[in-house]
Amino acid sequence: MKLFRGMQRSDYQDVLRALGYFIDDHGYTDVRIMETEDGLVLQGRVAERRSLGEASYDTFLITDEDIKTMVRDAFMRRGQKPPAYSE
């Protein structure tokens, strides 16, 4: 991920907390998170999908911009000032 380049510290805790909200909001289980140069690939199993031919996993590429938005929204839900990301 390019998100943390140039920062003094990488705060994965905030990113994982925001991803956890996304995962809970969608009701995913058996979650996989893979970090790539382009962001994060997140896969989550959808419990109610059991029909033949129906994909049981949703897959997302969550870009650095998506992560910034998710973290900002998470801070705002908690009534806190969001972190500032430098470009």
C-alpha atoms as a PDB file:
ATOM      1  CA  MET A   1       0.000   0.000   0.000  1.00  0.00           C
ATOM      2  CA  LYS A   2       1.230   3.451  -0.817  1.00  0.00           C
ATOM      3  CA  LEU A   3      -0.908   4.963   1.925  1.00  0.00           C
ATOM      4  CA  PHE A   4       1.772   4.856   4.616  1.00  0.00           C
ATOM      5  CA  ARG A   5       4.779   5.873   2.498  1.00  0.00           C
ATOM      6  CA  GLY A   6       6.459   8.964   3.862  1.00  0.00           C
ATOM      7  CA  MET A   7       4.631   8.778   7.175  1.00  0.00           C
ATOM      8  CA  GLN A   8       6.576   8.507  10.404  1.00  0.00           C
ATOM      9  CA  ARG A   9       4.423   5.605  11.512  1.00  0.00           C
ATOM     10  CA  SER A  10       1.939   3.224   9.927  1.00  0.00           C
ATOM     11  CA  ASP A  11      -1.251   3.060  11.927  1.00  0.00           C
ATOM     12  CA  TYR A  12      -2.673  -0.262  10.813  1.00  0.00           C
ATOM     13  CA  GLN A  13      -4.897  -0.257  13.908  1.00  0.00           C
ATOM     14  CA  ASP A  14      -7.077   2.506  12.430  1.00  0.00           C
ATOM     15  CA  VAL A  15      -7.182   0.790   9.037  1.00  0.00           C
ATOM     16  CA  LEU A  16      -8.119  -2.572  10.535  1.00  0.00           C
ATOM     17  CA  ARG A  17     -10.774  -0.979  12.744  1.00  0.00           C
ATOM     18  CA  ALA A  18     -12.344   0.687   9.679  1.00  0.00           C
ATOM     19  CA  LEU A  19     -12.160  -2.570   7.707  1.00  0.00           C
ATOM     20  CA  GLY A  20     -13.773  -4.382  10.635  1.00  0.00           C
ATOM     21  CA  TYR A  21     -16.726  -2.014  10.459  1.00  0.00           C
ATOM     22  CA  PHE A  22     -17.044  -2.689   6.698  1.00  0.00           C
ATOM     23  CA  ILE A  23     -16.863  -6.452   7.289  1.00  0.00           C
ATOM     24  CA  ASP A  24     -19.440  -6.362  10.100  1.00  0.00           C
ATOM     25  CA  ASP A  25     -21.717  -4.048   8.106  1.00  0.00           C
ATOM     26  CA  HIS A  26     -21.790  -6.570   5.244  1.00  0.00           C
ATOM     27  CA  GLY A  27     -22.030  -9.625   7.520  1.00  0.00           C
ATOM     28  CA  TYR A  28     -18.952 -11.317   6.039  1.00  0.00           C
ATOM     29  CA  THR A  29     -17.313 -14.374   7.560  1.00  0.00           C
ATOM     30  CA  ASP A  30     -14.133 -16.252   6.611  1.00  0.00           C
ATOM     31  CA  VAL A  31     -12.479 -12.962   5.673  1.00  0.00           C
ATOM     32  CA  ARG A  32      -9.209 -12.684   3.756  1.00  0.00           C
ATOM     33  CA  ILE A  33      -7.222  -9.455   3.555  1.00  0.00           C
ATOM     34  CA  MET A  34      -4.212  -9.176   1.250  1.00  0.00           C
ATOM     35  CA  GLU A  35      -2.036  -6.094   0.943  1.00  0.00           C
ATOM     36  CA  THR A  36      -0.946  -5.117  -2.578  1.00  0.00           C
ATOM     37  CA  GLU A  37       0.730  -2.109  -4.182  1.00  0.00           C
ATOM     38  CA  ASP A  38      -2.716  -0.845  -5.190  1.00  0.00           C
ATOM     39  CA  GLY A  39      -4.302  -1.145  -1.741  1.00  0.00           C
ATOM     40  CA  LEU A  40      -6.002  -4.079  -0.066  1.00  0.00           C
ATOM     41  CA  VAL A  41      -7.846  -7.014  -1.574  1.00  0.00           C
ATOM     42  CA  LEU A  42     -10.625  -8.066   0.769  1.00  0.00           C
ATOM     43  CA  GLN A  43     -12.663 -11.227   0.356  1.00  0.00           C
ATOM     44  CA  GLY A  44     -15.569 -12.141   2.583  1.00  0.00           C
ATOM     45  CA  ARG A  45     -17.922 -15.109   2.556  1.00  0.00           C
ATOM     46  CA  VAL A  46     -21.604 -14.337   2.225  1.00  0.00           C
ATOM     47  CA  ALA A  47     -23.387 -16.834   4.455  1.00  0.00           C
ATOM     48  CA  GLU A  48     -26.755 -16.829   2.687  1.00  0.00           C
ATOM     49  CA  ARG A  49     -25.302 -17.683  -0.729  1.00  0.00           C
ATOM     50  CA  ARG A  50     -25.530 -21.419  -1.110  1.00  0.00           C
ATOM     51  CA  SER A  51     -27.111 -21.883  -4.562  1.00  0.00           C
ATOM     52  CA  LEU A  52     -25.219 -23.797  -7.212  1.00  0.00           C
ATOM     53  CA  GLY A  53     -23.281 -21.399  -9.439  1.00  0.00           C
ATOM     54  CA  GLU A  54     -23.576 -18.504  -7.015  1.00  0.00           C
ATOM     55  CA  ALA A  55     -20.278 -17.083  -5.738  1.00  0.00           C
ATOM     56  CA  SER A  56     -19.990 -17.488  -1.978  1.00  0.00           C
ATOM     57  CA  TYR A  57     -17.340 -14.755  -1.657  1.00  0.00           C
ATOM     58  CA  ASP A  58     -17.441 -11.046  -2.440  1.00  0.00           C
ATOM     59  CA  THR A  59     -14.076  -9.620  -3.505  1.00  0.00           C
ATOM     60  CA  PHE A  60     -13.073  -5.961  -3.334  1.00  0.00           C
ATOM     61  CA  LEU A  61     -10.003  -3.954  -4.234  1.00  0.00           C
ATOM     62  CA  ILE A  62      -9.944  -1.261  -1.570  1.00  0.00           C
ATOM     63  CA  THR A  63      -7.648   1.496  -2.809  1.00  0.00           C
ATOM     64  CA  ASP A  64      -5.632   3.877  -0.668  1.00  0.00           C
ATOM     65  CA  GLU A  65      -8.253   6.563  -1.323  1.00  0.00           C
ATOM     66  CA  ASP A  66     -11.003   4.173  -0.195  1.00  0.00           C
ATOM     67  CA  ILE A  67      -9.026   3.440   2.979  1.00  0.00           C
ATOM     68  CA  LYS A  68      -8.563   7.145   3.707  1.00  0.00           C
ATOM     69  CA  THR A  69     -12.326   7.629   3.367  1.00  0.00           C
ATOM     70  CA  MET A  70     -13.113   4.598   5.536  1.00  0.00           C
ATOM     71  CA  VAL A  71     -10.700   5.737   8.278  1.00  0.00           C
ATOM     72  CA  ARG A  72     -12.027   9.311   8.131  1.00  0.00           C
ATOM     73  CA  ASP A  73     -15.607   8.059   8.425  1.00  0.00           C
ATOM     74  CA  ALA A  74     -14.641   5.794  11.345  1.00  0.00           C
ATOM     75  CA  PHE A  75     -13.130   8.730  13.246  1.00  0.00           C
ATOM     76  CA  MET A  76     -16.205  10.849  12.542  1.00  0.00           C
ATOM     77  CA  ARG A  77     -18.524   8.080  13.820  1.00  0.00           C
ATOM     78  CA  ARG A  78     -16.565   8.165  17.080  1.00  0.00           C
ATOM     79  CA  GLY A  79     -16.729  11.973  17.239  1.00  0.00           C
ATOM     80  CA  GLN A  80     -12.962  12.350  16.795  1.00  0.00           C
ATOM     81  CA  LYS A  81     -10.865  14.442  14.437  1.00  0.00           C
ATOM     82  CA  PRO A  82      -9.721  12.337  11.458  1.00  0.00           C
ATOM     83  CA  PRO A  83      -5.990  11.948  10.765  1.00  0.00           C
ATOM     84  CA  ALA A  84      -4.376  14.122   8.092  1.00  0.00           C
ATOM     85  CA  TYR A  85      -2.736  12.231   5.248  1.00  0.00           C
ATOM     86  CA  SER A  86       0.016  13.929   3.285  1.00  0.00           C
ATOM     87  CA  GLU A  87       0.262  13.356  -0.445  1.00  0.00           C
END
